[in-house]
């Protein structure tokens, strides 16, 4: 059984999608992920993660809209064009993720205002974490 995908794994899968060339299918992505991680994840397991699903959809749309690749005259030029293409895809994906987070923030701010929570309440600092103290009942303090 494959291990759970961590945030780092999900980011790596998004990077795979950012650099994808050619026809993009879920089966192709499953195979690329298996090759990269050595674990077989199903399409459903990958699709369950919102960032992967969004990155897949964005890349699929971008590949349809992408013009024919420019043929480079040298290996260095080809590498540079590939890097530019990958960075443009990553930039597009990150902009979409940022817009989604901004929409989520607006939704949360609206819902907080409905509950009577103002910006002063919402901007309070987080409480300090006391790493020396255990919250388990019956636990004895160190000392």
N, C-alpha and C. Protein backbone atom coordinates (compact mmCIF):
# COMPACT_ATOMS: atom_id res chain seq x y z
N UNK A 1 0.84 -1.18 0.00
CA UNK A 1 0.00 0.00 0.00
C UNK A 1 0.89 1.24 0.00
N UNK A 2 0.52 2.22 -0.81
CA UNK A 2 1.29 3.46 -0.92
C UNK A 2 1.08 4.31 0.32
N UNK A 3 2.12 5.04 0.68
CA UNK A 3 2.02 5.92 1.84
C UNK A 3 1.20 7.16 1.48
N UNK A 4 0.75 7.85 2.52
CA UNK A 4 -0.04 9.07 2.31
C UNK A 4 0.83 10.15 1.68
N UNK A 5 0.23 10.97 0.87
CA UNK A 5 0.96 12.06 0.23
C UNK A 5 1.12 13.22 1.20
N UNK A 6 2.35 13.65 1.38
CA UNK A 6 2.62 14.81 2.24
C UNK A 6 2.49 16.08 1.40
N UNK A 7 2.56 17.23 2.07
CA UNK A 7 2.51 18.50 1.34
C UNK A 7 3.68 18.61 0.37
N UNK A 8 4.84 18.08 0.76
CA UNK A 8 6.02 18.09 -0.11
C UNK A 8 5.77 17.22 -1.34
N UNK A 9 5.15 16.06 -1.14
CA UNK A 9 4.82 15.17 -2.26
C UNK A 9 3.85 15.85 -3.22
N UNK A 10 2.84 16.50 -2.66
CA UNK A 10 1.84 17.18 -3.49
C UNK A 10 2.50 18.30 -4.30
N UNK A 11 3.42 19.04 -3.67
CA UNK A 11 4.15 20.09 -4.40
C UNK A 11 4.99 19.48 -5.51
N UNK A 12 5.61 18.33 -5.26
CA UNK A 12 6.43 17.66 -6.29
C UNK A 12 5.54 17.20 -7.45
N UNK A 13 4.35 16.72 -7.16
CA UNK A 13 3.43 16.30 -8.23
C UNK A 13 2.99 17.52 -9.04
N UNK A 14 2.76 18.64 -8.38
CA UNK A 14 2.43 19.87 -9.10
C UNK A 14 3.59 20.29 -10.00
N UNK A 15 4.83 20.09 -9.53
CA UNK A 15 6.00 20.38 -10.35
C UNK A 15 6.05 19.48 -11.58
N UNK A 16 5.70 18.21 -11.40
CA UNK A 16 5.63 17.29 -12.55
C UNK A 16 4.65 17.84 -13.57
N UNK A 17 3.49 18.28 -13.09
CA UNK A 17 2.48 18.83 -14.00
C UNK A 17 2.95 20.11 -14.66
N UNK A 18 3.68 20.96 -13.93
CA UNK A 18 4.17 22.21 -14.51
C UNK A 18 5.09 21.95 -15.71
N UNK A 19 5.84 20.86 -15.67
CA UNK A 19 6.77 20.56 -16.75
C UNK A 19 6.22 19.59 -17.78
N UNK A 20 4.95 19.26 -17.69
CA UNK A 20 4.36 18.24 -18.57
C UNK A 20 4.36 18.70 -20.02
N UNK A 21 4.76 17.79 -20.90
CA UNK A 21 4.74 18.03 -22.34
C UNK A 21 3.88 16.96 -22.99
N UNK A 22 3.18 17.28 -24.02
CA UNK A 22 2.38 16.30 -24.74
C UNK A 22 1.01 16.12 -24.12
N UNK A 23 0.36 15.03 -24.53
CA UNK A 23 -0.99 14.74 -24.06
C UNK A 23 -0.98 14.42 -22.56
N UNK A 24 -1.83 15.07 -21.83
CA UNK A 24 -1.92 14.88 -20.38
C UNK A 24 -3.15 14.05 -20.06
N UNK A 25 -2.92 12.91 -19.42
CA UNK A 25 -4.01 12.05 -18.97
C UNK A 25 -3.75 11.68 -17.52
N UNK A 26 -4.81 11.27 -16.83
CA UNK A 26 -4.63 10.83 -15.45
C UNK A 26 -3.73 9.60 -15.40
N UNK A 27 -3.89 8.69 -16.37
CA UNK A 27 -3.05 7.49 -16.38
C UNK A 27 -1.58 7.86 -16.56
N UNK A 28 -1.31 8.82 -17.44
CA UNK A 28 0.06 9.29 -17.63
C UNK A 28 0.63 9.89 -16.36
N UNK A 29 -0.20 10.66 -15.65
CA UNK A 29 0.26 11.26 -14.40
C UNK A 29 0.50 10.19 -13.34
N UNK A 30 -0.39 9.20 -13.26
CA UNK A 30 -0.22 8.10 -12.30
C UNK A 30 1.12 7.41 -12.55
N UNK A 31 1.44 7.17 -13.81
CA UNK A 31 2.70 6.51 -14.16
C UNK A 31 3.90 7.39 -13.82
N UNK A 32 3.80 8.69 -14.10
CA UNK A 32 4.91 9.60 -13.79
C UNK A 32 5.14 9.68 -12.28
N UNK A 33 4.06 9.70 -11.51
CA UNK A 33 4.17 9.75 -10.04
C UNK A 33 4.78 8.45 -9.52
N UNK A 34 4.37 7.32 -10.09
CA UNK A 34 4.94 6.04 -9.66
C UNK A 34 6.44 5.99 -9.95
N UNK A 35 6.82 6.50 -11.11
CA UNK A 35 8.24 6.52 -11.46
C UNK A 35 9.02 7.43 -10.51
N UNK A 36 8.43 8.54 -10.13
CA UNK A 36 9.12 9.52 -9.27
C UNK A 36 9.22 9.04 -7.82
N UNK A 37 8.12 8.47 -7.28
CA UNK A 37 8.06 8.12 -5.86
C UNK A 37 8.24 6.64 -5.57
N UNK A 38 8.07 5.79 -6.60
CA UNK A 38 8.19 4.36 -6.38
C UNK A 38 6.96 3.75 -5.72
N UNK A 39 5.87 4.50 -5.66
CA UNK A 39 4.60 4.02 -5.11
C UNK A 39 3.52 4.25 -6.16
N UNK A 40 2.59 3.33 -6.24
CA UNK A 40 1.49 3.46 -7.18
C UNK A 40 0.30 4.11 -6.48
N UNK A 41 -0.10 5.28 -6.97
CA UNK A 41 -1.28 5.97 -6.47
C UNK A 41 -2.33 5.91 -7.56
N UNK A 42 -3.57 5.71 -7.19
CA UNK A 42 -4.65 5.68 -8.18
C UNK A 42 -5.01 7.09 -8.61
N UNK A 43 -5.74 7.17 -9.72
CA UNK A 43 -6.23 8.47 -10.18
C UNK A 43 -7.09 9.10 -9.11
N UNK A 44 -7.91 8.28 -8.45
CA UNK A 44 -8.80 8.79 -7.42
C UNK A 44 -8.01 9.35 -6.24
N UNK A 45 -6.92 8.71 -5.88
CA UNK A 45 -6.10 9.19 -4.76
C UNK A 45 -5.45 10.52 -5.10
N UNK A 46 -5.01 10.69 -6.34
CA UNK A 46 -4.42 11.96 -6.75
C UNK A 46 -5.48 13.04 -6.88
N UNK A 47 -6.62 12.67 -7.45
CA UNK A 47 -7.71 13.62 -7.68
C UNK A 47 -8.33 14.12 -6.38
N UNK A 48 -8.14 13.37 -5.31
CA UNK A 48 -8.71 13.74 -4.01
C UNK A 48 -8.02 14.99 -3.43
N UNK A 49 -6.81 15.28 -3.87
CA UNK A 49 -6.07 16.44 -3.37
C UNK A 49 -6.38 17.65 -4.26
N UNK A 50 -6.94 18.68 -3.67
CA UNK A 50 -7.42 19.84 -4.41
C UNK A 50 -6.31 20.50 -5.23
N UNK A 51 -5.10 20.61 -4.65
CA UNK A 51 -4.00 21.26 -5.38
C UNK A 51 -3.63 20.47 -6.62
N UNK A 52 -3.61 19.14 -6.52
CA UNK A 52 -3.26 18.30 -7.68
C UNK A 52 -4.35 18.41 -8.73
N UNK A 53 -5.61 18.32 -8.30
CA UNK A 53 -6.73 18.40 -9.24
C UNK A 53 -6.71 19.74 -9.98
N UNK A 54 -6.48 20.82 -9.25
CA UNK A 54 -6.45 22.15 -9.87
C UNK A 54 -5.26 22.29 -10.81
N UNK A 55 -4.09 21.80 -10.39
CA UNK A 55 -2.90 21.87 -11.23
C UNK A 55 -3.09 21.05 -12.50
N UNK A 56 -3.73 19.88 -12.39
CA UNK A 56 -4.00 19.03 -13.55
C UNK A 56 -4.89 19.77 -14.54
N UNK A 57 -5.99 20.34 -14.04
CA UNK A 57 -6.94 21.04 -14.90
C UNK A 57 -6.29 22.25 -15.57
N UNK A 58 -5.53 23.03 -14.81
CA UNK A 58 -4.87 24.21 -15.37
C UNK A 58 -3.87 23.81 -16.45
N UNK A 59 -3.11 22.74 -16.20
CA UNK A 59 -2.10 22.32 -17.16
C UNK A 59 -2.76 21.77 -18.43
N UNK A 60 -3.85 21.06 -18.26
CA UNK A 60 -4.57 20.52 -19.41
C UNK A 60 -5.06 21.67 -20.30
N UNK A 61 -5.63 22.69 -19.70
CA UNK A 61 -6.10 23.86 -20.45
C UNK A 61 -4.92 24.56 -21.12
N UNK A 62 -3.83 24.72 -20.40
CA UNK A 62 -2.66 25.41 -20.95
C UNK A 62 -2.06 24.63 -22.12
N UNK A 63 -2.03 23.31 -22.02
CA UNK A 63 -1.49 22.51 -23.11
C UNK A 63 -2.34 22.62 -24.38
N UNK A 64 -3.65 22.72 -24.20
CA UNK A 64 -4.53 22.90 -25.36
C UNK A 64 -4.29 24.24 -26.03
N UNK A 65 -4.02 25.26 -25.24
CA UNK A 65 -3.86 26.62 -25.76
C UNK A 65 -2.43 26.91 -26.21
N UNK A 66 -1.48 26.06 -25.84
CA UNK A 66 -0.07 26.30 -26.16
C UNK A 66 0.18 26.17 -27.64
N UNK A 67 0.93 27.13 -28.21
CA UNK A 67 1.28 27.00 -29.63
C UNK A 67 2.33 25.89 -29.80
N UNK A 68 2.59 25.54 -31.04
CA UNK A 68 3.62 24.54 -31.32
C UNK A 68 4.94 25.01 -30.73
N UNK A 69 5.71 24.09 -30.09
CA UNK A 69 6.96 24.49 -29.49
C UNK A 69 7.98 24.95 -30.55
N UNK A 70 8.73 25.97 -30.18
CA UNK A 70 9.76 26.50 -31.06
C UNK A 70 10.93 25.53 -31.06
N UNK A 71 11.44 25.24 -32.24
CA UNK A 71 12.58 24.35 -32.34
C UNK A 71 13.85 25.15 -32.06
N UNK A 72 14.61 24.70 -31.07
CA UNK A 72 15.84 25.39 -30.68
C UNK A 72 17.00 24.89 -31.54
N UNK A 73 17.93 25.79 -31.80
CA UNK A 73 19.07 25.44 -32.65
C UNK A 73 20.18 24.75 -31.88
N UNK A 74 20.19 24.89 -30.57
CA UNK A 74 21.25 24.26 -29.77
C UNK A 74 20.64 23.63 -28.51
N UNK A 75 21.36 22.70 -27.92
CA UNK A 75 20.86 22.09 -26.68
C UNK A 75 20.68 23.13 -25.56
N UNK A 76 21.54 24.11 -25.48
CA UNK A 76 21.41 25.15 -24.44
C UNK A 76 20.15 25.98 -24.66
N UNK A 77 19.87 26.29 -25.90
CA UNK A 77 18.66 27.06 -26.20
C UNK A 77 17.42 26.23 -25.88
N UNK A 78 17.46 24.94 -26.20
CA UNK A 78 16.32 24.05 -25.91
C UNK A 78 16.09 23.97 -24.41
N UNK A 79 17.19 23.84 -23.64
CA UNK A 79 17.08 23.79 -22.17
C UNK A 79 16.49 25.09 -21.64
N UNK A 80 16.92 26.21 -22.20
CA UNK A 80 16.41 27.51 -21.76
C UNK A 80 14.92 27.64 -22.07
N UNK A 81 14.50 27.20 -23.27
CA UNK A 81 13.08 27.26 -23.64
C UNK A 81 12.24 26.35 -22.75
N UNK A 82 12.77 25.17 -22.43
CA UNK A 82 12.05 24.26 -21.53
C UNK A 82 11.90 24.88 -20.15
N UNK A 83 12.97 25.52 -19.66
CA UNK A 83 12.92 26.16 -18.33
C UNK A 83 11.90 27.30 -18.32
N UNK A 84 11.89 28.09 -19.38
CA UNK A 84 10.94 29.20 -19.47
C UNK A 84 9.51 28.66 -19.48
N UNK A 85 9.28 27.62 -20.25
CA UNK A 85 7.94 27.02 -20.32
C UNK A 85 7.50 26.49 -18.96
N UNK A 86 8.40 25.80 -18.27
CA UNK A 86 8.08 25.26 -16.94
C UNK A 86 7.78 26.39 -15.96
N UNK A 87 8.58 27.45 -15.98
CA UNK A 87 8.38 28.57 -15.06
C UNK A 87 7.08 29.31 -15.36
N UNK A 88 6.73 29.43 -16.63
CA UNK A 88 5.46 30.06 -16.99
C UNK A 88 4.29 29.22 -16.48
N UNK A 89 4.39 27.89 -16.62
CA UNK A 89 3.32 27.01 -16.13
C UNK A 89 3.22 27.09 -14.61
N UNK A 90 4.36 27.11 -13.93
CA UNK A 90 4.36 27.21 -12.47
C UNK A 90 3.76 28.54 -12.03
N UNK A 91 4.14 29.61 -12.71
CA UNK A 91 3.63 30.94 -12.39
C UNK A 91 2.11 30.99 -12.56
N UNK A 92 1.62 30.41 -13.63
CA UNK A 92 0.17 30.36 -13.87
C UNK A 92 -0.54 29.58 -12.77
N UNK A 93 0.02 28.43 -12.39
CA UNK A 93 -0.60 27.60 -11.34
C UNK A 93 -0.59 28.34 -10.00
N UNK A 94 0.54 28.98 -9.67
CA UNK A 94 0.63 29.68 -8.38
C UNK A 94 -0.32 30.88 -8.34
N UNK A 95 -0.48 31.57 -9.47
CA UNK A 95 -1.45 32.67 -9.52
C UNK A 95 -2.87 32.17 -9.29
N UNK A 96 -3.20 31.03 -9.88
CA UNK A 96 -4.54 30.46 -9.67
C UNK A 96 -4.73 30.05 -8.21
N UNK A 97 -3.70 29.44 -7.60
CA UNK A 97 -3.79 29.06 -6.19
C UNK A 97 -3.94 30.30 -5.31
N UNK A 98 -3.19 31.35 -5.62
CA UNK A 98 -3.27 32.60 -4.85
C UNK A 98 -4.66 33.21 -4.96
N UNK A 99 -5.24 33.22 -6.16
CA UNK A 99 -6.59 33.75 -6.34
C UNK A 99 -7.61 32.96 -5.54
N UNK A 100 -7.44 31.63 -5.52
CA UNK A 100 -8.36 30.78 -4.75
C UNK A 100 -8.25 31.09 -3.26
N UNK A 101 -7.02 31.30 -2.78
CA UNK A 101 -6.84 31.63 -1.37
C UNK A 101 -7.41 33.01 -1.03
N UNK A 102 -7.27 33.96 -1.95
CA UNK A 102 -7.86 35.28 -1.72
C UNK A 102 -9.38 35.19 -1.67
N UNK A 103 -9.98 34.39 -2.55
CA UNK A 103 -11.43 34.20 -2.52
C UNK A 103 -11.85 33.55 -1.20
N UNK A 104 -11.07 32.60 -0.73
CA UNK A 104 -11.37 31.94 0.54
C UNK A 104 -11.28 32.95 1.69
N UNK A 105 -10.27 33.81 1.66
CA UNK A 105 -10.12 34.83 2.70
C UNK A 105 -11.32 35.76 2.72
N UNK A 106 -11.78 36.21 1.55
CA UNK A 106 -12.93 37.10 1.48
C UNK A 106 -14.17 36.40 2.04
N UNK A 107 -14.34 35.12 1.71
CA UNK A 107 -15.48 34.34 2.22
C UNK A 107 -15.40 34.25 3.74
N UNK A 108 -14.20 33.96 4.28
CA UNK A 108 -14.03 33.85 5.73
C UNK A 108 -14.28 35.20 6.41
N UNK A 109 -13.78 36.28 5.81
CA UNK A 109 -13.97 37.61 6.40
C UNK A 109 -15.46 37.97 6.42
N UNK A 110 -16.16 37.65 5.36
CA UNK A 110 -17.60 37.91 5.31
C UNK A 110 -18.33 37.11 6.38
N UNK A 111 -18.03 35.81 6.47
CA UNK A 111 -18.69 34.97 7.47
C UNK A 111 -18.34 35.40 8.89
N UNK A 112 -17.12 35.85 9.12
CA UNK A 112 -16.73 36.34 10.44
C UNK A 112 -17.51 37.60 10.79
N UNK A 113 -17.71 38.48 9.80
CA UNK A 113 -18.46 39.71 10.07
C UNK A 113 -19.92 39.41 10.39
N UNK A 114 -20.48 38.34 9.78
CA UNK A 114 -21.84 37.94 10.10
C UNK A 114 -21.96 37.49 11.55
N UNK A 115 -20.89 36.95 12.09
CA UNK A 115 -20.86 36.49 13.48
C UNK A 115 -20.47 37.60 14.46
N UNK A 116 -20.26 38.79 13.94
CA UNK A 116 -19.93 39.92 14.80
C UNK A 116 -18.45 40.00 15.16
N UNK A 117 -17.61 39.28 14.45
CA UNK A 117 -16.18 39.32 14.72
C UNK A 117 -15.55 40.44 13.90
N UNK A 118 -14.85 41.35 14.57
CA UNK A 118 -14.22 42.45 13.85
C UNK A 118 -12.74 42.17 13.61
N UNK A 119 -12.08 43.07 12.89
CA UNK A 119 -10.68 42.86 12.53
C UNK A 119 -9.77 42.84 13.75
N UNK A 120 -10.12 43.58 14.81
CA UNK A 120 -9.29 43.55 16.02
C UNK A 120 -9.29 42.16 16.65
N UNK A 121 -10.45 41.54 16.71
CA UNK A 121 -10.54 40.18 17.25
C UNK A 121 -9.79 39.18 16.36
N UNK A 122 -10.01 39.28 15.07
CA UNK A 122 -9.41 38.34 14.13
C UNK A 122 -7.89 38.48 14.04
N UNK A 123 -7.37 39.67 14.33
CA UNK A 123 -5.93 39.91 14.22
C UNK A 123 -5.18 39.71 15.53
N UNK A 124 -5.84 39.19 16.54
CA UNK A 124 -5.15 38.91 17.81
C UNK A 124 -4.03 37.90 17.56
N UNK A 125 -2.90 38.08 18.24
CA UNK A 125 -1.81 37.11 18.05
C UNK A 125 -2.18 35.74 18.61
N UNK A 126 -1.55 34.72 18.08
CA UNK A 126 -1.78 33.36 18.58
C UNK A 126 -1.21 33.25 19.99
N UNK A 127 -1.79 32.40 20.82
CA UNK A 127 -1.25 32.23 22.17
C UNK A 127 0.12 31.56 22.12
N UNK A 128 0.93 31.86 23.11
CA UNK A 128 2.26 31.24 23.20
C UNK A 128 2.09 29.75 23.45
N UNK A 129 2.97 28.96 22.87
CA UNK A 129 2.93 27.52 23.06
C UNK A 129 3.90 27.17 24.19
N UNK A 130 3.37 26.49 25.20
CA UNK A 130 4.22 26.04 26.32
C UNK A 130 4.59 24.60 26.05
N UNK A 131 5.77 24.39 25.49
CA UNK A 131 6.20 23.05 25.11
C UNK A 131 6.67 22.21 26.30
N UNK A 132 6.82 22.82 27.43
CA UNK A 132 7.27 22.11 28.63
C UNK A 132 6.11 21.47 29.38
N UNK A 133 4.91 21.94 29.14
CA UNK A 133 3.75 21.50 29.90
C UNK A 133 2.94 20.48 29.11
N UNK A 134 2.60 19.41 29.74
CA UNK A 134 1.78 18.39 29.10
C UNK A 134 0.32 18.65 29.41
N UNK A 135 -0.54 18.40 28.46
CA UNK A 135 -1.97 18.60 28.67
C UNK A 135 -2.66 17.29 29.03
N UNK A 136 -1.92 16.22 29.18
CA UNK A 136 -2.52 14.95 29.53
C UNK A 136 -2.95 14.97 30.99
N UNK A 137 -4.15 14.49 31.26
CA UNK A 137 -4.60 14.48 32.67
C UNK A 137 -3.73 13.51 33.48
N UNK A 138 -3.36 13.93 34.63
CA UNK A 138 -2.57 13.07 35.53
C UNK A 138 -1.09 13.11 35.24
N UNK A 139 -0.67 13.87 34.23
CA UNK A 139 0.76 13.95 33.91
C UNK A 139 1.43 14.82 34.94
N UNK A 140 2.59 14.38 35.36
CA UNK A 140 3.34 15.15 36.37
C UNK A 140 4.24 16.16 35.68
N UNK A 141 4.31 17.38 36.22
CA UNK A 141 5.21 18.36 35.63
C UNK A 141 6.66 17.95 35.85
N UNK A 142 7.50 18.35 34.90
CA UNK A 142 8.93 18.06 35.05
C UNK A 142 9.51 18.94 36.13
N UNK A 143 10.52 18.41 36.78
CA UNK A 143 11.13 19.30 37.76
C UNK A 143 11.68 18.65 38.94
